[in-house]
C-alpha cells in the first residue's frame, strides 16, 4: 500500500505563490533526486554554523562512524523526502 502525502494549509498557500518557472524547476529537481540513478553533480557551498554546534555534530558523526558532511547531506535528503 502506498502512503498518502498530506500537505499543510501553509504549504499549499506557499505553492499557490509559485511561478510556472519555479514549479518546473521544482519538478525537475524532484525528478532528478528520486528517479535519476546517475551520479549527481555537487556544488560547493559556504555556510556559517556556530562552532560549538559544528564541533558537537562532528563528534556525534564520528561516534556513529559517519563523515559529518555526508551526514549533513543525509539529513537534508531526509528532510526533503518528508
PDB file of N, CA and C in Angstrom:
ATOM      1  N   UNK A   1       0.841  -1.166   0.000  1.00  0.00           N
ATOM      2  CA  UNK A   1       0.000   0.000   0.000  1.00  0.00           C
ATOM      3  C   UNK A   1       0.895   1.242   0.000  1.00  0.00           C
ATOM      4  N   UNK A   2       0.564   2.192  -0.851  1.00  0.00           N
ATOM      5  CA  UNK A   2       1.321   3.444  -0.898  1.00  0.00           C
ATOM      6  C   UNK A   2       0.823   4.383   0.191  1.00  0.00           C
ATOM      7  N   UNK A   3       1.763   5.138   0.739  1.00  0.00           N
ATOM      8  CA  UNK A   3       1.371   6.103   1.761  1.00  0.00           C
ATOM      9  C   UNK A   3       0.754   7.334   1.102  1.00  0.00           C
ATOM     10  N   UNK A   4      -0.047   8.041   1.863  1.00  0.00           N
ATOM     11  CA  UNK A   4      -0.702   9.241   1.385  1.00  0.00           C
ATOM     12  C   UNK A   4       0.090  10.436   1.897  1.00  0.00           C
ATOM     13  N   UNK A   5       0.413  11.345   1.002  1.00  0.00           N
ATOM     14  CA  UNK A   5       1.129  12.538   1.418  1.00  0.00           C
ATOM     15  C   UNK A   5       0.126  13.626   1.731  1.00  0.00           C
ATOM     16  N   UNK A   6       0.268  14.222   2.894  1.00  0.00           N
ATOM     17  CA  UNK A   6      -0.630  15.281   3.319  1.00  0.00           C
ATOM     18  C   UNK A   6       0.130  16.603   3.317  1.00  0.00           C
ATOM     19  N   UNK A   7      -0.532  17.663   2.922  1.00  0.00           N
ATOM     20  CA  UNK A   7       0.082  18.982   2.840  1.00  0.00           C
ATOM     21  C   UNK A   7      -0.615  19.926   3.814  1.00  0.00           C
ATOM     22  N   UNK A   8       0.169  20.724   4.498  1.00  0.00           N
ATOM     23  CA  UNK A   8      -0.408  21.698   5.420  1.00  0.00           C
ATOM     24  C   UNK A   8      -1.021  22.849   4.628  1.00  0.00           C
ATOM     25  N   UNK A   9      -1.899  23.578   5.265  1.00  0.00           N
ATOM     26  CA  UNK A   9      -2.518  24.740   4.613  1.00  0.00           C
ATOM     27  C   UNK A   9      -1.459  25.780   4.266  1.00  0.00           C
ATOM     28  N   UNK A  10      -0.464  25.922   5.149  1.00  0.00           N
ATOM     29  CA  UNK A  10       0.614  26.893   4.901  1.00  0.00           C
ATOM     30  C   UNK A  10       1.416  26.509   3.662  1.00  0.00           C
ATOM     31  N   UNK A  11       1.702  25.220   3.532  1.00  0.00           N
ATOM     32  CA  UNK A  11       2.464  24.744   2.372  1.00  0.00           C
ATOM     33  C   UNK A  11       1.684  24.983   1.080  1.00  0.00           C
ATOM     34  N   UNK A  12       0.405  24.662   1.078  1.00  0.00           N
ATOM     35  CA  UNK A  12      -0.413  24.855  -0.116  1.00  0.00           C
ATOM     36  C   UNK A  12      -0.537  26.338  -0.470  1.00  0.00           C
ATOM     37  N   UNK A  13      -0.619  27.175   0.562  1.00  0.00           N
ATOM     38  CA  UNK A  13      -0.679  28.618   0.335  1.00  0.00           C
ATOM     39  C   UNK A  13       0.617  29.096  -0.319  1.00  0.00           C
ATOM     40  N   UNK A  14       1.747  28.577   0.166  1.00  0.00           N
ATOM     41  CA  UNK A  14       3.052  28.913  -0.409  1.00  0.00           C
ATOM     42  C   UNK A  14       3.125  28.453  -1.873  1.00  0.00           C
ATOM     43  N   UNK A  15       2.636  27.264  -2.157  1.00  0.00           N
ATOM     44  CA  UNK A  15       2.691  26.722  -3.520  1.00  0.00           C
ATOM     45  C   UNK A  15       1.894  27.566  -4.511  1.00  0.00           C
ATOM     46  N   UNK A  16       0.800  28.130  -4.061  1.00  0.00           N
ATOM     47  CA  UNK A  16      -0.029  28.957  -4.940  1.00  0.00           C
ATOM     48  C   UNK A  16       0.704  30.213  -5.401  1.00  0.00           C
ATOM     49  N   UNK A  17       1.729  30.624  -4.638  1.00  0.00           N
ATOM     50  CA  UNK A  17       2.500  31.812  -4.987  1.00  0.00           C
ATOM     51  C   UNK A  17       3.639  31.512  -5.964  1.00  0.00           C
ATOM     52  N   UNK A  18       3.881  30.242  -6.252  1.00  0.00           N
ATOM     53  CA  UNK A  18       4.998  29.867  -7.126  1.00  0.00           C
ATOM     54  C   UNK A  18       4.697  30.228  -8.581  1.00  0.00           C
ATOM     55  N   UNK A  19       5.735  30.670  -9.263  1.00  0.00           N
ATOM     56  CA  UNK A  19       5.605  30.965 -10.691  1.00  0.00           C
ATOM     57  C   UNK A  19       5.709  29.660 -11.469  1.00  0.00           C
ATOM     58  N   UNK A  20       5.239  29.651 -12.721  1.00  0.00           N
ATOM     59  CA  UNK A  20       5.399  28.436 -13.533  1.00  0.00           C
ATOM     60  C   UNK A  20       6.865  27.983 -13.628  1.00  0.00           C
ATOM     61  N   UNK A  21       7.784  28.939 -13.738  1.00  0.00           N
ATOM     62  CA  UNK A  21       9.200  28.582 -13.816  1.00  0.00           C
ATOM     63  C   UNK A  21       9.663  27.901 -12.526  1.00  0.00           C
ATOM     64  N   UNK A  22       9.239  28.406 -11.374  1.00  0.00           N
ATOM     65  CA  UNK A  22       9.606  27.802 -10.095  1.00  0.00           C
ATOM     66  C   UNK A  22       9.032  26.383  -9.981  1.00  0.00           C
ATOM     67  N   UNK A  23       7.825  26.197 -10.455  1.00  0.00           N
ATOM     68  CA  UNK A  23       7.195  24.875 -10.415  1.00  0.00           C
ATOM     69  C   UNK A  23       7.966  23.897 -11.296  1.00  0.00           C
ATOM     70  N   UNK A  24       8.329  24.328 -12.486  1.00  0.00           N
ATOM     71  CA  UNK A  24       9.084  23.470 -13.402  1.00  0.00           C
ATOM     72  C   UNK A  24      10.437  23.103 -12.797  1.00  0.00           C
ATOM     73  N   UNK A  25      11.125  24.069 -12.210  1.00  0.00           N
ATOM     74  CA  UNK A  25      12.421  23.801 -11.575  1.00  0.00           C
ATOM     75  C   UNK A  25      12.267  22.812 -10.428  1.00  0.00           C
ATOM     76  N   UNK A  26      11.225  22.993  -9.616  1.00  0.00           N
ATOM     77  CA  UNK A  26      10.985  22.086  -8.505  1.00  0.00           C
ATOM     78  C   UNK A  26      10.736  20.668  -9.013  1.00  0.00           C
ATOM     79  N   UNK A  27       9.874  20.536 -10.006  1.00  0.00           N
ATOM     80  CA  UNK A  27       9.556  19.207 -10.534  1.00  0.00           C
ATOM     81  C   UNK A  27      10.774  18.534 -11.159  1.00  0.00           C
ATOM     82  N   UNK A  28      11.590  19.298 -11.864  1.00  0.00           N
ATOM     83  CA  UNK A  28      12.796  18.744 -12.472  1.00  0.00           C
ATOM     84  C   UNK A  28      13.787  18.299 -11.397  1.00  0.00           C
ATOM     85  N   UNK A  29      13.970  19.116 -10.372  1.00  0.00           N
ATOM     86  CA  UNK A  29      14.857  18.740  -9.269  1.00  0.00           C
ATOM     87  C   UNK A  29      14.338  17.499  -8.543  1.00  0.00           C
ATOM     88  N   UNK A  30      13.025  17.449  -8.334  1.00  0.00           N
ATOM     89  CA  UNK A  30      12.414  16.290  -7.678  1.00  0.00           C
ATOM     90  C   UNK A  30      12.634  15.034  -8.510  1.00  0.00           C
ATOM     91  N   UNK A  31      12.441  15.157  -9.830  1.00  0.00           N
ATOM     92  CA  UNK A  31      12.646  14.018 -10.724  1.00  0.00           C
ATOM     93  C   UNK A  31      14.085  13.525 -10.647  1.00  0.00           C
ATOM     94  N   UNK A  32      15.022  14.449 -10.700  1.00  0.00           N
ATOM     95  CA  UNK A  32      16.433  14.070 -10.646  1.00  0.00           C
ATOM     96  C   UNK A  32      16.783  13.399  -9.322  1.00  0.00           C
ATOM     97  N   UNK A  33      16.227  13.927  -8.233  1.00  0.00           N
ATOM     98  CA  UNK A  33      16.523  13.399  -6.914  1.00  0.00           C
ATOM     99  C   UNK A  33      15.976  11.989  -6.730  1.00  0.00           C
ATOM    100  N   UNK A  34      14.764  11.745  -7.226  1.00  0.00           N
ATOM    101  CA  UNK A  34      14.104  10.478  -6.959  1.00  0.00           C
ATOM    102  C   UNK A  34      14.195   9.453  -8.089  1.00  0.00           C
ATOM    103  N   UNK A  35      14.343   9.882  -9.293  1.00  0.00           N
ATOM    104  CA  UNK A  35      14.355   8.937 -10.406  1.00  0.00           C
ATOM    105  C   UNK A  35      15.736   8.764 -11.015  1.00  0.00           C
ATOM    106  N   UNK A  36      16.552   9.773 -10.913  1.00  0.00           N
ATOM    107  CA  UNK A  36      17.866   9.716 -11.533  1.00  0.00           C
ATOM    108  C   UNK A  36      18.822   8.851 -10.737  1.00  0.00           C
ATOM    109  N   UNK A  37      19.353   7.836 -11.377  1.00  0.00           N
ATOM    110  CA  UNK A  37      20.316   6.961 -10.716  1.00  0.00           C
ATOM    111  C   UNK A  37      21.739   7.364 -11.069  1.00  0.00           C
ATOM    112  N   UNK A  38      21.864   8.313 -11.999  1.00  0.00           N
ATOM    113  CA  UNK A  38      23.194   8.765 -12.381  1.00  0.00           C
ATOM    114  C   UNK A  38      23.815   9.591 -11.260  1.00  0.00           C
ATOM    115  N   UNK A  39      25.116   9.689 -11.276  1.00  0.00           N
ATOM    116  CA  UNK A  39      25.846  10.458 -10.251  1.00  0.00           C
ATOM    117  C   UNK A  39      25.388  11.908 -10.291  1.00  0.00           C
ATOM    118  N   UNK A  40      25.013  12.409  -9.135  1.00  0.00           N
ATOM    119  CA  UNK A  40      24.551  13.788  -9.030  1.00  0.00           C
ATOM    120  C   UNK A  40      25.747  14.735  -8.958  1.00  0.00           C
ATOM    121  N   UNK A  41      25.665  15.837  -9.663  1.00  0.00           N
ATOM    122  CA  UNK A  41      26.700  16.850  -9.602  1.00  0.00           C
ATOM    123  C   UNK A  41      26.569  17.576  -8.265  1.00  0.00           C
ATOM    124  N   UNK A  42      27.695  17.818  -7.608  1.00  0.00           N
ATOM    125  CA  UNK A  42      27.692  18.502  -6.320  1.00  0.00           C
ATOM    126  C   UNK A  42      28.122  19.953  -6.488  1.00  0.00           C
ATOM    127  N   UNK A  43      27.716  20.770  -5.541  1.00  0.00           N
ATOM    128  CA  UNK A  43      28.079  22.186  -5.554  1.00  0.00           C
ATOM    129  C   UNK A  43      28.678  22.531  -4.200  1.00  0.00           C
ATOM    130  N   UNK A  44      29.830  23.159  -4.239  1.00  0.00           N
ATOM    131  CA  UNK A  44      30.487  23.615  -3.028  1.00  0.00           C
ATOM    132  C   UNK A  44      29.746  24.841  -2.494  1.00  0.00           C
ATOM    133  N   UNK A  45      29.408  24.810  -1.200  1.00  0.00           N
ATOM    134  CA  UNK A  45      28.709  25.944  -0.598  1.00  0.00           C
ATOM    135  C   UNK A  45      29.474  26.423   0.634  1.00  0.00           C
ATOM    136  N   UNK A  46      29.117  27.594   1.079  1.00  0.00           N
ATOM    137  CA  UNK A  46      29.678  28.148   2.309  1.00  0.00           C
ATOM    138  C   UNK A  46      28.514  28.436   3.234  1.00  0.00           C
ATOM    139  N   UNK A  47      28.655  28.027   4.486  1.00  0.00           N
ATOM    140  CA  UNK A  47      27.572  28.223   5.441  1.00  0.00           C
ATOM    141  C   UNK A  47      28.180  28.542   6.811  1.00  0.00           C
ATOM    142  N   UNK A  48      27.574  29.475   7.502  1.00  0.00           N
ATOM    143  CA  UNK A  48      28.038  29.815   8.845  1.00  0.00           C
ATOM    144  C   UNK A  48      27.243  28.998   9.857  1.00  0.00           C
ATOM    145  N   UNK A  49      27.994  28.295  10.697  1.00  0.00           N
ATOM    146  CA  UNK A  49      27.400  27.468  11.749  1.00  0.00           C
ATOM    147  C   UNK A  49      28.157  27.767  13.034  1.00  0.00           C
ATOM    148  N   UNK A  50      27.471  27.952  14.135  1.00  0.00           N
ATOM    149  CA  UNK A  50      28.188  28.176  15.382  1.00  0.00           C
ATOM    150  C   UNK A  50      29.197  27.051  15.643  1.00  0.00           C
ATOM    151  N   UNK A  51      30.407  27.447  16.049  1.00  0.00           N
ATOM    152  CA  UNK A  51      31.484  26.464  16.228  1.00  0.00           C
ATOM    153  C   UNK A  51      31.117  25.333  17.169  1.00  0.00           C
ATOM    154  N   UNK A  52      30.471  25.651  18.272  1.00  0.00           N
ATOM    155  CA  UNK A  52      30.132  24.606  19.236  1.00  0.00           C
ATOM    156  C   UNK A  52      29.168  23.593  18.626  1.00  0.00           C
ATOM    157  N   UNK A  53      28.237  24.085  17.793  1.00  0.00           N
ATOM    158  CA  UNK A  53      27.295  23.180  17.137  1.00  0.00           C
ATOM    159  C   UNK A  53      28.024  22.296  16.131  1.00  0.00           C
ATOM    160  N   UNK A  54      28.908  22.886  15.337  1.00  0.00           N
ATOM    161  CA  UNK A  54      29.652  22.118  14.344  1.00  0.00           C
ATOM    162  C   UNK A  54      30.546  21.085  15.018  1.00  0.00           C
ATOM    163  N   UNK A  55      31.239  21.483  16.074  1.00  0.00           N
ATOM    164  CA  UNK A  55      32.109  20.541  16.782  1.00  0.00           C
ATOM    165  C   UNK A  55      31.320  19.393  17.387  1.00  0.00           C
ATOM    166  N   UNK A  56      30.171  19.696  17.950  1.00  0.00           N
ATOM    167  CA  UNK A  56      29.310  18.653  18.521  1.00  0.00           C
ATOM    168  C   UNK A  56      28.797  17.721  17.429  1.00  0.00           C
ATOM    169  N   UNK A  57      28.426  18.300  16.290  1.00  0.00           N
ATOM    170  CA  UNK A  57      27.924  17.497  15.172  1.00  0.00           C
ATOM    171  C   UNK A  57      29.023  16.575  14.644  1.00  0.00           C
ATOM    172  N   UNK A  58      30.232  17.112  14.499  1.00  0.00           N
ATOM    173  CA  UNK A  58      31.371  16.301  14.030  1.00  0.00           C
ATOM    174  C   UNK A  58      31.630  15.146  14.986  1.00  0.00           C
ATOM    175  N   UNK A  59      31.609  15.422  16.282  1.00  0.00           N
ATOM    176  CA  UNK A  59      31.855  14.391  17.283  1.00  0.00           C
ATOM    177  C   UNK A  59      30.778  13.309  17.233  1.00  0.00           C
ATOM    178  N   UNK A  60      29.531  13.724  17.123  1.00  0.00           N
ATOM    179  CA  UNK A  60      28.432  12.747  17.062  1.00  0.00           C
ATOM    180  C   UNK A  60      28.536  11.902  15.794  1.00  0.00           C
ATOM    181  N   UNK A  61      28.879  12.534  14.672  1.00  0.00           N
ATOM    182  CA  UNK A  61      29.039  11.796  13.417  1.00  0.00           C
ATOM    183  C   UNK A  61      30.194  10.802  13.538  1.00  0.00           C
ATOM    184  N   UNK A  62      31.288  11.234  14.148  1.00  0.00           N
ATOM    185  CA  UNK A  62      32.452  10.346  14.321  1.00  0.00           C
ATOM    186  C   UNK A  62      32.091   9.136  15.171  1.00  0.00           C
ATOM    187  N   UNK A  63      31.357   9.367  16.246  1.00  0.00           N
ATOM    188  CA  UNK A  63      30.935   8.267  17.118  1.00  0.00           C
ATOM    189  C   UNK A  63      30.018   7.283  16.392  1.00  0.00           C
ATOM    190  N   UNK A  64      29.253   7.799  15.431  1.00  0.00           N
ATOM    191  CA  UNK A  64      28.347   6.953  14.651  1.00  0.00           C
ATOM    192  C   UNK A  64      29.057   6.311  13.458  1.00  0.00           C
ATOM    193  N   UNK A  65      30.348   6.660  13.275  1.00  0.00           N
ATOM    194  CA  UNK A  65      31.103   6.086  12.161  1.00  0.00           C
ATOM    195  C   UNK A  65      30.756   6.716  10.828  1.00  0.00           C
ATOM    196  N   UNK A  66      30.314   7.957  10.854  1.00  0.00           N
ATOM    197  CA  UNK A  66      29.921   8.645   9.618  1.00  0.00           C
ATOM    198  C   UNK A  66      30.771   9.898   9.435  1.00  0.00           C
ATOM    199  N   UNK A  67      30.927  10.296   8.189  1.00  0.00           N
ATOM    200  CA  UNK A  67      31.578  11.567   7.901  1.00  0.00           C
ATOM    201  C   UNK A  67      30.542  12.666   8.123  1.00  0.00           C
ATOM    202  N   UNK A  68      30.972  13.746   8.749  1.00  0.00           N
ATOM    203  CA  UNK A  68      29.982  14.756   9.136  1.00  0.00           C
ATOM    204  C   UNK A  68      29.332  15.435   7.932  1.00  0.00           C
ATOM    205  N   UNK A  69      30.094  15.682   6.848  1.00  0.00           N
ATOM    206  CA  UNK A  69      29.485  16.320   5.679  1.00  0.00           C
ATOM    207  C   UNK A  69      28.493  15.382   5.007  1.00  0.00           C
ATOM    208  N   UNK A  70      28.829  14.105   4.976  1.00  0.00           N
ATOM    209  CA  UNK A  70      27.903  13.116   4.421  1.00  0.00           C
ATOM    210  C   UNK A  70      26.638  13.071   5.261  1.00  0.00           C
ATOM    211  N   UNK A  71      26.795  13.153   6.580  1.00  0.00           N
ATOM    212  CA  UNK A  71      25.633  13.130   7.463  1.00  0.00           C
ATOM    213  C   UNK A  71      24.742  14.347   7.249  1.00  0.00           C
ATOM    214  N   UNK A  72      25.355  15.494   6.984  1.00  0.00           N
ATOM    215  CA  UNK A  72      24.564  16.696   6.682  1.00  0.00           C
ATOM    216  C   UNK A  72      23.720  16.452   5.433  1.00  0.00           C
ATOM    217  N   UNK A  73      24.326  15.851   4.400  1.00  0.00           N
ATOM    218  CA  UNK A  73      23.575  15.559   3.165  1.00  0.00           C
ATOM    219  C   UNK A  73      22.452  14.569   3.429  1.00  0.00           C
ATOM    220  N   UNK A  74      22.706  13.558   4.275  1.00  0.00           N
ATOM    221  CA  UNK A  74      21.669  12.581   4.623  1.00  0.00           C
ATOM    222  C   UNK A  74      20.492  13.284   5.292  1.00  0.00           C
ATOM    223  N   UNK A  75      20.787  14.171   6.231  1.00  0.00           N
ATOM    224  CA  UNK A  75      19.725  14.902   6.924  1.00  0.00           C
ATOM    225  C   UNK A  75      18.937  15.789   5.963  1.00  0.00           C
ATOM    226  N   UNK A  76      19.646  16.427   5.031  1.00  0.00           N
ATOM    227  CA  UNK A  76      18.957  17.272   4.048  1.00  0.00           C
ATOM    228  C   UNK A  76      18.028  16.435   3.177  1.00  0.00           C
ATOM    229  N   UNK A  77      18.514  15.276   2.733  1.00  0.00           N
ATOM    230  CA  UNK A  77      17.691  14.414   1.880  1.00  0.00           C
ATOM    231  C   UNK A  77      16.477  13.890   2.644  1.00  0.00           C
ATOM    232  N   UNK A  78      16.682  13.492   3.904  1.00  0.00           N
ATOM    233  CA  UNK A  78      15.545  13.033   4.713  1.00  0.00           C
ATOM    234  C   UNK A  78      14.497  14.123   4.870  1.00  0.00           C
ATOM    235  N   UNK A  79      14.952  15.351   5.084  1.00  0.00           N
ATOM    236  CA  UNK A  79      14.033  16.474   5.243  1.00  0.00           C
ATOM    237  C   UNK A  79      13.261  16.727   3.948  1.00  0.00           C
ATOM    238  N   UNK A  80      13.951  16.618   2.804  1.00  0.00           N
ATOM    239  CA  UNK A  80      13.280  16.823   1.516  1.00  0.00           C
ATOM    240  C   UNK A  80      12.248  15.743   1.225  1.00  0.00           C
ATOM    241  N   UNK A  81      12.479  14.544   1.744  1.00  0.00           N
ATOM    242  CA  UNK A  81      11.578  13.429   1.471  1.00  0.00           C
ATOM    243  C   UNK A  81      10.374  13.364   2.404  1.00  0.00           C
ATOM    244  N   UNK A  82      10.272  14.287   3.350  1.00  0.00           N
ATOM    245  CA  UNK A  82       9.124  14.303   4.278  1.00  0.00           C
ATOM    246  C   UNK A  82       7.899  14.832   3.590  1.00  0.00           C
TER     247      UNK A  82
END
